[in-house]
Amino acid sequence: MKIRFERGDTAFEVEKDPMPPERFKVVCALAGAGIYAGMVIGVAALCGGWGVVAVMGLTVVLAMIVGGVMM
């Protein structure tokens, strides 16, 4: 991957290898976990305990579907 910055008559180029696929998957998983945690906090703030229970129930169902339990 080649990155090039230009400002006026000065140019700066950096050549770098892309991120390994395993690392990319871990970064995406961490980002997804952060988004999920933010959603749960938001639901708890807006809906209270029953909203959190509903989100947890949907999480279990989706985990079962993704895991292949309900197929």
PDB file of N, CA and C in Angstrom:
ATOM      1  N   MET A   1       0.851  -1.149   0.000  1.00  0.00           N
ATOM      2  CA  MET A   1       0.000   0.000   0.000  1.00  0.00           C
ATOM      3  C   MET A   1       0.912   1.231   0.000  1.00  0.00           C
ATOM      4  N   LYS A   2       0.560   2.193  -0.825  1.00  0.00           N
ATOM      5  CA  LYS A   2       1.355   3.408  -0.912  1.00  0.00           C
ATOM      6  C   LYS A   2       0.480   4.588  -0.492  1.00  0.00           C
ATOM      7  N   ILE A   3       0.973   5.372   0.450  1.00  0.00           N
ATOM      8  CA  ILE A   3       0.266   6.546   0.935  1.00  0.00           C
ATOM      9  C   ILE A   3       1.081   7.775   0.529  1.00  0.00           C
ATOM     10  N   ARG A   4       0.403   8.760  -0.042  1.00  0.00           N
ATOM     11  CA  ARG A   4       1.093   9.966  -0.505  1.00  0.00           C
ATOM     12  C   ARG A   4       0.352  11.202  -0.003  1.00  0.00           C
ATOM     13  N   PHE A   5       1.086  12.071   0.676  1.00  0.00           N
ATOM     14  CA  PHE A   5       0.562  13.353   1.142  1.00  0.00           C
ATOM     15  C   PHE A   5       1.258  14.456   0.369  1.00  0.00           C
ATOM     16  N   GLU A   6       0.478  15.399  -0.113  1.00  0.00           N
ATOM     17  CA  GLU A   6       1.046  16.545  -0.810  1.00  0.00           C
ATOM     18  C   GLU A   6       0.523  17.826  -0.177  1.00  0.00           C
ATOM     19  N   ARG A   7       1.428  18.742   0.046  1.00  0.00           N
ATOM     20  CA  ARG A   7       1.046  20.057   0.563  1.00  0.00           C
ATOM     21  C   ARG A   7       1.955  21.091  -0.091  1.00  0.00           C
ATOM     22  N   GLY A   8       1.352  21.857  -0.958  1.00  0.00           N
ATOM     23  CA  GLY A   8       2.160  22.822  -1.689  1.00  0.00           C
ATOM     24  C   GLY A   8       3.119  22.098  -2.615  1.00  0.00           C
ATOM     25  N   ASP A   9       4.409  22.399  -2.481  1.00  0.00           N
ATOM     26  CA  ASP A   9       5.394  21.718  -3.315  1.00  0.00           C
ATOM     27  C   ASP A   9       6.184  20.673  -2.537  1.00  0.00           C
ATOM     28  N   THR A  10       5.617  20.207  -1.412  1.00  0.00           N
ATOM     29  CA  THR A  10       6.246  19.150  -0.616  1.00  0.00           C
ATOM     30  C   THR A  10       5.382  17.903  -0.686  1.00  0.00           C
ATOM     31  N   ALA A  11       6.011  16.777  -0.961  1.00  0.00           N
ATOM     32  CA  ALA A  11       5.299  15.504  -1.031  1.00  0.00           C
ATOM     33  C   ALA A  11       5.948  14.532  -0.052  1.00  0.00           C
ATOM     34  N   PHE A  12       5.112  13.724   0.588  1.00  0.00           N
ATOM     35  CA  PHE A  12       5.581  12.736   1.552  1.00  0.00           C
ATOM     36  C   PHE A  12       4.952  11.401   1.179  1.00  0.00           C
ATOM     37  N   GLU A  13       5.783  10.401   0.920  1.00  0.00           N
ATOM     38  CA  GLU A  13       5.285   9.084   0.529  1.00  0.00           C
ATOM     39  C   GLU A  13       5.729   8.036   1.534  1.00  0.00           C
ATOM     40  N   VAL A  14       4.802   7.135   1.841  1.00  0.00           N
ATOM     41  CA  VAL A  14       5.094   6.013   2.729  1.00  0.00           C
ATOM     42  C   VAL A  14       4.566   4.757   2.060  1.00  0.00           C
ATOM     43  N   GLU A  15       5.368   3.737   2.041  1.00  0.00           N
ATOM     44  CA  GLU A  15       4.924   2.461   1.512  1.00  0.00           C
ATOM     45  C   GLU A  15       4.860   1.474   2.668  1.00  0.00           C
ATOM     46  N   LYS A  16       3.715   0.826   2.814  1.00  0.00           N
ATOM     47  CA  LYS A  16       3.502  -0.039   3.966  1.00  0.00           C
ATOM     48  C   LYS A  16       2.717  -1.271   3.531  1.00  0.00           C
ATOM     49  N   ASP A  17       3.029  -2.406   4.152  1.00  0.00           N
ATOM     50  CA  ASP A  17       2.266  -3.620   3.886  1.00  0.00           C
ATOM     51  C   ASP A  17       0.900  -3.517   4.549  1.00  0.00           C
ATOM     52  N   PRO A  18      -0.146  -4.089   3.929  1.00  0.00           N
ATOM     53  CA  PRO A  18      -1.471  -4.048   4.557  1.00  0.00           C
ATOM     54  C   PRO A  18      -1.515  -4.894   5.831  1.00  0.00           C
ATOM     55  N   MET A  19      -2.537  -4.657   6.625  1.00  0.00           N
ATOM     56  CA  MET A  19      -2.714  -5.370   7.884  1.00  0.00           C
ATOM     57  C   MET A  19      -2.990  -6.858   7.608  1.00  0.00           C
ATOM     58  N   PRO A  20      -2.388  -7.759   8.369  1.00  0.00           N
ATOM     59  CA  PRO A  20      -2.681  -9.182   8.182  1.00  0.00           C
ATOM     60  C   PRO A  20      -4.163  -9.474   8.450  1.00  0.00           C
ATOM     61  N   PRO A  21      -4.735 -10.456   7.734  1.00  0.00           N
ATOM     62  CA  PRO A  21      -6.166 -10.752   7.894  1.00  0.00           C
ATOM     63  C   PRO A  21      -6.566 -11.118   9.325  1.00  0.00           C
ATOM     64  N   GLU A  22      -5.705 -11.834  10.048  1.00  0.00           N
ATOM     65  CA  GLU A  22      -6.042 -12.223  11.420  1.00  0.00           C
ATOM     66  C   GLU A  22      -6.176 -10.987  12.308  1.00  0.00           C
ATOM     67  N   ARG A  23      -5.269 -10.059  12.135  1.00  0.00           N
ATOM     68  CA  ARG A  23      -5.308  -8.835  12.932  1.00  0.00           C
ATOM     69  C   ARG A  23      -6.538  -8.003  12.581  1.00  0.00           C
ATOM     70  N   PHE A  24      -6.875  -7.951  11.288  1.00  0.00           N
ATOM     71  CA  PHE A  24      -8.057  -7.210  10.846  1.00  0.00           C
ATOM     72  C   PHE A  24      -9.315  -7.793  11.479  1.00  0.00           C
ATOM     73  N   LYS A  25      -9.420  -9.119  11.542  1.00  0.00           N
ATOM     74  CA  LYS A  25     -10.586  -9.760  12.161  1.00  0.00           C
ATOM     75  C   LYS A  25     -10.682  -9.414  13.646  1.00  0.00           C
ATOM     76  N   VAL A  26      -9.547  -9.387  14.327  1.00  0.00           N
ATOM     77  CA  VAL A  26      -9.548  -9.052  15.757  1.00  0.00           C
ATOM     78  C   VAL A  26      -9.958  -7.598  15.962  1.00  0.00           C
ATOM     79  N   VAL A  27      -9.443  -6.690  15.135  1.00  0.00           N
ATOM     80  CA  VAL A  27      -9.812  -5.278  15.247  1.00  0.00           C
ATOM     81  C   VAL A  27     -11.305  -5.102  14.994  1.00  0.00           C
ATOM     82  N   CYS A  28     -11.838  -5.793  13.982  1.00  0.00           N
ATOM     83  CA  CYS A  28     -13.279  -5.708  13.693  1.00  0.00           C
ATOM     84  C   CYS A  28     -14.110  -6.289  14.838  1.00  0.00           C
ATOM     85  N   ALA A  29     -13.652  -7.386  15.435  1.00  0.00           N
ATOM     86  CA  ALA A  29     -14.381  -7.979  16.558  1.00  0.00           C
ATOM     87  C   ALA A  29     -14.391  -7.028  17.760  1.00  0.00           C
ATOM     88  N   LEU A  30     -13.268  -6.380  18.028  1.00  0.00           N
ATOM     89  CA  LEU A  30     -13.224  -5.419  19.133  1.00  0.00           C
ATOM     90  C   LEU A  30     -14.135  -4.219  18.862  1.00  0.00           C
ATOM     91  N   ALA A  31     -14.149  -3.754  17.621  1.00  0.00           N
ATOM     92  CA  ALA A  31     -15.034  -2.639  17.271  1.00  0.00           C
ATOM     93  C   ALA A  31     -16.498  -3.056  17.418  1.00  0.00           C
ATOM     94  N   GLY A  32     -16.822  -4.267  16.982  1.00  0.00           N
ATOM     95  CA  GLY A  32     -18.189  -4.764  17.126  1.00  0.00           C
ATOM     96  C   GLY A  32     -18.593  -4.889  18.588  1.00  0.00           C
ATOM     97  N   ALA A  33     -17.683  -5.361  19.418  1.00  0.00           N
ATOM     98  CA  ALA A  33     -17.981  -5.479  20.850  1.00  0.00           C
ATOM     99  C   ALA A  33     -18.206  -4.100  21.467  1.00  0.00           C
ATOM    100  N   GLY A  34     -17.429  -3.116  21.044  1.00  0.00           N
ATOM    101  CA  GLY A  34     -17.616  -1.758  21.547  1.00  0.00           C
ATOM    102  C   GLY A  34     -18.949  -1.168  21.114  1.00  0.00           C
ATOM    103  N   ILE A  35     -19.332  -1.420  19.862  1.00  0.00           N
ATOM    104  CA  ILE A  35     -20.625  -0.933  19.373  1.00  0.00           C
ATOM    105  C   ILE A  35     -21.760  -1.605  20.135  1.00  0.00           C
ATOM    106  N   TYR A  36     -21.643  -2.911  20.368  1.00  0.00           N
ATOM    107  CA  TYR A  36     -22.673  -3.631  21.110  1.00  0.00           C
ATOM    108  C   TYR A  36     -22.795  -3.094  22.540  1.00  0.00           C
ATOM    109  N   ALA A  37     -21.649  -2.867  23.184  1.00  0.00           N
ATOM    110  CA  ALA A  37     -21.680  -2.338  24.557  1.00  0.00           C
ATOM    111  C   ALA A  37     -22.327  -0.960  24.585  1.00  0.00           C
ATOM    112  N   GLY A  38     -22.024  -0.132  23.607  1.00  0.00           N
ATOM    113  CA  GLY A  38     -22.655   1.179  23.530  1.00  0.00           C
ATOM    114  C   GLY A  38     -24.154   1.080  23.322  1.00  0.00           C
ATOM    115  N   MET A  39     -24.584   0.116  22.506  1.00  0.00           N
ATOM    116  CA  MET A  39     -26.015  -0.079  22.282  1.00  0.00           C
ATOM    117  C   MET A  39     -26.705  -0.511  23.579  1.00  0.00           C
ATOM    118  N   VAL A  40     -26.109  -1.426  24.307  1.00  0.00           N
ATOM    119  CA  VAL A  40     -26.708  -1.889  25.559  1.00  0.00           C
ATOM    120  C   VAL A  40     -26.784  -0.743  26.570  1.00  0.00           C
ATOM    121  N   ILE A  41     -25.744   0.052  26.653  1.00  0.00           N
ATOM    122  CA  ILE A  41     -25.765   1.195  27.571  1.00  0.00           C
ATOM    123  C   ILE A  41     -26.847   2.187  27.159  1.00  0.00           C
ATOM    124  N   GLY A  42     -26.979   2.434  25.844  1.00  0.00           N
ATOM    125  CA  GLY A  42     -28.013   3.338  25.359  1.00  0.00           C
ATOM    126  C   GLY A  42     -29.406   2.830  25.640  1.00  0.00           C
ATOM    127  N   VAL A  43     -29.635   1.526  25.419  1.00  0.00           N
ATOM    128  CA  VAL A  43     -30.953   0.937  25.699  1.00  0.00           C
ATOM    129  C   VAL A  43     -31.239   0.990  27.191  1.00  0.00           C
ATOM    130  N   ALA A  44     -30.242   0.726  28.008  1.00  0.00           N
ATOM    131  CA  ALA A  44     -30.443   0.783  29.463  1.00  0.00           C
ATOM    132  C   ALA A  44     -30.803   2.194  29.900  1.00  0.00           C
ATOM    133  N   ALA A  45     -30.171   3.193  29.288  1.00  0.00           N
ATOM    134  CA  ALA A  45     -30.455   4.577  29.662  1.00  0.00           C
ATOM    135  C   ALA A  45     -31.847   5.005  29.206  1.00  0.00           C
ATOM    136  N   LEU A  46     -32.269   4.525  28.047  1.00  0.00           N
ATOM    137  CA  LEU A  46     -33.549   4.959  27.487  1.00  0.00           C
ATOM    138  C   LEU A  46     -34.737   4.125  27.961  1.00  0.00           C
ATOM    139  N   CYS A  47     -34.539   2.812  28.089  1.00  0.00           N
ATOM    140  CA  CYS A  47     -35.672   1.918  28.359  1.00  0.00           C
ATOM    141  C   CYS A  47     -35.632   1.273  29.738  1.00  0.00           C
ATOM    142  N   GLY A  48     -34.518   1.330  30.394  1.00  0.00           N
ATOM    143  CA  GLY A  48     -34.426   0.710  31.704  1.00  0.00           C
ATOM    144  C   GLY A  48     -34.104  -0.775  31.612  1.00  0.00           C
ATOM    145  N   GLY A  49     -34.407  -1.466  32.689  1.00  0.00           N
ATOM    146  CA  GLY A  49     -34.067  -2.889  32.805  1.00  0.00           C
ATOM    147  C   GLY A  49     -34.748  -3.777  31.789  1.00  0.00           C
ATOM    148  N   TRP A  50     -36.017  -3.490  31.478  1.00  0.00           N
ATOM    149  CA  TRP A  50     -36.729  -4.334  30.520  1.00  0.00           C
ATOM    150  C   TRP A  50     -36.120  -4.240  29.124  1.00  0.00           C
ATOM    151  N   GLY A  51     -35.618  -3.094  28.766  1.00  0.00           N
ATOM    152  CA  GLY A  51     -34.943  -2.945  27.477  1.00  0.00           C
ATOM    153  C   GLY A  51     -33.666  -3.766  27.419  1.00  0.00           C
ATOM    154  N   VAL A  52     -32.929  -3.779  28.513  1.00  0.00           N
ATOM    155  CA  VAL A  52     -31.696  -4.576  28.565  1.00  0.00           C
ATOM    156  C   VAL A  52     -32.026  -6.062  28.479  1.00  0.00           C
ATOM    157  N   VAL A  53     -33.086  -6.491  29.159  1.00  0.00           N
ATOM    158  CA  VAL A  53     -33.502  -7.894  29.089  1.00  0.00           C
ATOM    159  C   VAL A  53     -33.874  -8.257  27.654  1.00  0.00           C
ATOM    160  N   ALA A  54     -34.586  -7.360  26.964  1.00  0.00           N
ATOM    161  CA  ALA A  54     -34.966  -7.620  25.570  1.00  0.00           C
ATOM    162  C   ALA A  54     -33.735  -7.724  24.676  1.00  0.00           C
ATOM    163  N   VAL A  55     -32.765  -6.829  24.865  1.00  0.00           N
ATOM    164  CA  VAL A  55     -31.537  -6.879  24.069  1.00  0.00           C
ATOM    165  C   VAL A  55     -30.773  -8.166  24.345  1.00  0.00           C
ATOM    166  N   MET A  56     -30.705  -8.586  25.590  1.00  0.00           N
ATOM    167  CA  MET A  56     -30.014  -9.841  25.917  1.00  0.00           C
ATOM    168  C   MET A  56     -30.714 -11.032  25.284  1.00  0.00           C
ATOM    169  N   GLY A  57     -32.046 -11.030  25.322  1.00  0.00           N
ATOM    170  CA  GLY A  57     -32.793 -12.123  24.690  1.00  0.00           C
ATOM    171  C   GLY A  57     -32.537 -12.185  23.192  1.00  0.00           C
ATOM    172  N   LEU A  58     -32.564 -11.034  22.531  1.00  0.00           N
ATOM    173  CA  LEU A  58     -32.279 -11.006  21.096  1.00  0.00           C
ATOM    174  C   LEU A  58     -30.839 -11.420  20.805  1.00  0.00           C
ATOM    175  N   THR A  59     -29.931 -11.070  21.688  1.00  0.00           N
ATOM    176  CA  THR A  59     -28.533 -11.461  21.510  1.00  0.00           C
ATOM    177  C   THR A  59     -28.387 -12.979  21.561  1.00  0.00           C
ATOM    178  N   VAL A  60     -29.072 -13.612  22.486  1.00  0.00           N
ATOM    179  CA  VAL A  60     -29.006 -15.074  22.593  1.00  0.00           C
ATOM    180  C   VAL A  60     -29.583 -15.721  21.342  1.00  0.00           C
ATOM    181  N   VAL A  61     -30.720 -15.223  20.872  1.00  0.00           N
ATOM    182  CA  VAL A  61     -31.347 -15.793  19.673  1.00  0.00           C
ATOM    183  C   VAL A  61     -30.436 -15.617  18.461  1.00  0.00           C
ATOM    184  N   LEU A  62     -29.880 -14.422  18.281  1.00  0.00           N
ATOM    185  CA  LEU A  62     -28.983 -14.194  17.147  1.00  0.00           C
ATOM    186  C   LEU A  62     -27.713 -15.038  17.243  1.00  0.00           C
ATOM    187  N   ALA A  63     -27.186 -15.211  18.439  1.00  0.00           N
ATOM    188  CA  ALA A  63     -26.002 -16.054  18.622  1.00  0.00           C
ATOM    189  C   ALA A  63     -26.313 -17.507  18.260  1.00  0.00           C
ATOM    190  N   MET A  64     -27.513 -17.950  18.586  1.00  0.00           N
ATOM    191  CA  MET A  64     -27.903 -19.317  18.238  1.00  0.00           C
ATOM    192  C   MET A  64     -28.068 -19.476  16.729  1.00  0.00           C
ATOM    193  N   ILE A  65     -28.611 -18.457  16.077  1.00  0.00           N
ATOM    194  CA  ILE A  65     -28.776 -18.521  14.622  1.00  0.00           C
ATOM    195  C   ILE A  65     -27.416 -18.520  13.944  1.00  0.00           C
ATOM    196  N   VAL A  66     -26.542 -17.626  14.351  1.00  0.00           N
ATOM    197  CA  VAL A  66     -25.221 -17.545  13.750  1.00  0.00           C
ATOM    198  C   VAL A  66     -24.419 -18.814  14.033  1.00  0.00           C
ATOM    199  N   GLY A  67     -24.558 -19.341  15.227  1.00  0.00           N
ATOM    200  CA  GLY A  67     -23.835 -20.557  15.600  1.00  0.00           C
ATOM    201  C   GLY A  67     -24.395 -21.811  14.955  1.00  0.00           C
ATOM    202  N   GLY A  68     -25.560 -21.746  14.342  1.00  0.00           N
ATOM    203  CA  GLY A  68     -26.122 -22.882  13.654  1.00  0.00           C
ATOM    204  C   GLY A  68     -26.978 -23.772  14.526  1.00  0.00           C
ATOM    205  N   VAL A  69     -27.330 -23.348  15.728  1.00  0.00           N
ATOM    206  CA  VAL A  69     -28.132 -24.176  16.616  1.00  0.00           C
ATOM    207  C   VAL A  69     -29.565 -24.303  16.114  1.00  0.00           C
ATOM    208  N   MET A  70     -30.119 -23.218  15.548  1.00  0.00           N
ATOM    209  CA  MET A  70     -31.509 -23.221  15.151  1.00  0.00           C
ATOM    210  C   MET A  70     -31.700 -23.569  13.670  1.00  0.00           C
ATOM    211  N   MET A  71     -30.673 -23.999  12.989  1.00  0.00           N
ATOM    212  CA  MET A  71     -30.814 -24.300  11.563  1.00  0.00           C
ATOM    213  C   MET A  71     -31.504 -25.609  11.336  1.00  0.00           C
TER     214      MET A  71
END
